[in-house]
Amino acid sequence: MFYRSSDILITSTHVVVMYPEAQRFPLDEMEAPYIVRHGRGAGFRTGHEIRARFGSTDVRIFYTTDRATFGAVRRALIRALEYRSDPLPI
């Protein structure tokens, strides 16, 4: 397990998004993950979002306005994807 919170679970095989309902996405099917930053204005904090394609569907993997949490989730997803492409020998 690379990351776990009440919002998201990242393992070596899946990303599980808990909100609005639990959805499980296999890392093997994830294509082109990318980051979207939502601007600040009118009293709103800057939001950070991770999205990816699964087949023909664009999916929001994670969203937060907390920079530290976003960084931790981003690093966990990077580690999980690296692990899937080149597993470490045991």
Protein backbone atom coordinates (compact mmCIF):
# COMPACT_ATOMS: atom_id res chain seq x y z
CA MET A 1 0.00 0.00 0.00
CA PHE A 2 1.37 3.38 -1.02
CA TYR A 3 -1.28 5.71 0.44
CA ARG A 4 -4.47 5.41 2.47
CA SER A 5 -6.96 7.99 3.67
CA SER A 6 -10.72 8.32 3.93
CA ASP A 7 -10.72 9.72 0.36
CA ILE A 8 -8.34 7.45 -1.58
CA LEU A 9 -6.40 4.20 -1.41
CA ILE A 10 -3.37 3.61 -3.64
CA THR A 11 -1.90 0.11 -3.86
CA SER A 12 0.51 -1.58 -6.25
CA THR A 13 -2.43 -2.75 -8.37
CA HIS A 14 -5.32 -0.30 -7.92
CA VAL A 15 -6.47 3.18 -7.06
CA VAL A 16 -9.68 3.17 -5.02
CA VAL A 17 -11.57 6.46 -4.94
CA MET A 18 -14.00 6.63 -2.02
CA TYR A 19 -16.06 9.70 -2.94
CA PRO A 20 -18.86 10.10 -4.00
CA GLU A 21 -19.01 6.28 -4.03
CA ALA A 22 -16.23 3.70 -3.92
CA GLN A 23 -14.75 3.04 -7.36
CA ARG A 24 -11.75 0.82 -8.07
CA PHE A 25 -9.43 1.55 -11.00
CA PRO A 26 -6.67 -0.88 -12.07
CA LEU A 27 -3.26 0.79 -12.48
CA ASP A 28 -2.61 -1.44 -15.52
CA GLU A 29 -5.45 0.37 -17.31
CA MET A 30 -4.48 3.91 -16.28
CA GLU A 31 -3.40 6.08 -19.20
CA ALA A 32 -1.80 9.51 -19.12
CA PRO A 33 -2.41 10.75 -15.58
CA TYR A 34 -2.26 14.53 -15.38
CA ILE A 35 -2.65 17.41 -12.93
CA VAL A 36 -5.21 20.21 -13.09
CA ARG A 37 -4.76 23.28 -10.90
CA HIS A 38 -7.84 25.35 -10.20
CA GLY A 39 -7.15 29.07 -9.77
CA ARG A 40 -7.66 31.19 -6.74
CA GLY A 41 -10.29 33.85 -6.67
CA ALA A 42 -13.43 35.19 -4.99
CA GLY A 43 -12.39 33.74 -1.62
CA PHE A 44 -11.66 30.24 -2.91
CA ARG A 45 -8.43 28.40 -2.20
CA THR A 46 -6.38 26.95 -5.05
CA GLY A 47 -7.45 23.39 -5.81
CA HIS A 48 -5.27 20.57 -7.07
CA GLU A 49 -6.67 17.65 -9.01
CA ILE A 50 -5.26 14.41 -10.44
CA ARG A 51 -7.08 12.97 -13.44
CA ALA A 52 -6.39 10.02 -15.74
CA ARG A 53 -7.92 8.17 -18.66
CA PHE A 54 -9.27 4.66 -18.32
CA GLY A 55 -10.21 3.52 -21.79
CA SER A 56 -12.39 6.28 -23.23
CA THR A 57 -13.33 7.72 -19.82
CA ASP A 58 -11.61 10.66 -18.14
CA VAL A 59 -11.68 10.14 -14.35
CA ARG A 60 -11.01 12.43 -11.41
CA ILE A 61 -8.69 10.42 -9.18
CA PHE A 62 -8.22 12.98 -6.43
CA TYR A 63 -8.99 16.61 -5.54
CA THR A 64 -7.95 18.75 -2.61
CA THR A 65 -7.14 22.31 -1.64
CA ASP A 66 -4.43 21.12 0.76
CA ARG A 67 -0.99 21.28 -0.90
CA ALA A 68 0.68 18.84 1.50
CA THR A 69 -2.01 16.20 1.03
CA PHE A 70 -1.91 16.68 -2.73
CA GLY A 71 1.86 16.22 -2.74
CA ALA A 72 1.62 13.02 -0.69
CA VAL A 73 -1.05 11.52 -2.99
CA ARG A 74 0.88 12.56 -6.10
CA ARG A 75 4.10 10.95 -4.81
CA ALA A 76 2.23 7.78 -3.83
CA LEU A 77 0.70 7.49 -7.31
CA ILE A 78 4.10 8.01 -8.93
CA ARG A 79 5.63 5.29 -6.73
CA ALA A 80 2.76 2.89 -7.47
CA LEU A 81 3.09 3.44 -11.23
CA GLU A 82 6.87 2.98 -11.06
CA TYR A 83 6.39 -0.22 -9.07
CA ARG A 84 3.94 -1.58 -11.64
CA SER A 85 6.29 -0.95 -14.55
CA ASP A 86 9.48 -2.20 -12.88
CA PRO A 87 8.85 -4.24 -9.72
CA LEU A 88 11.70 -4.47 -7.24
CA PRO A 89 13.17 -7.95 -6.71
CA ILE A 90 12.34 -9.52 -3.37
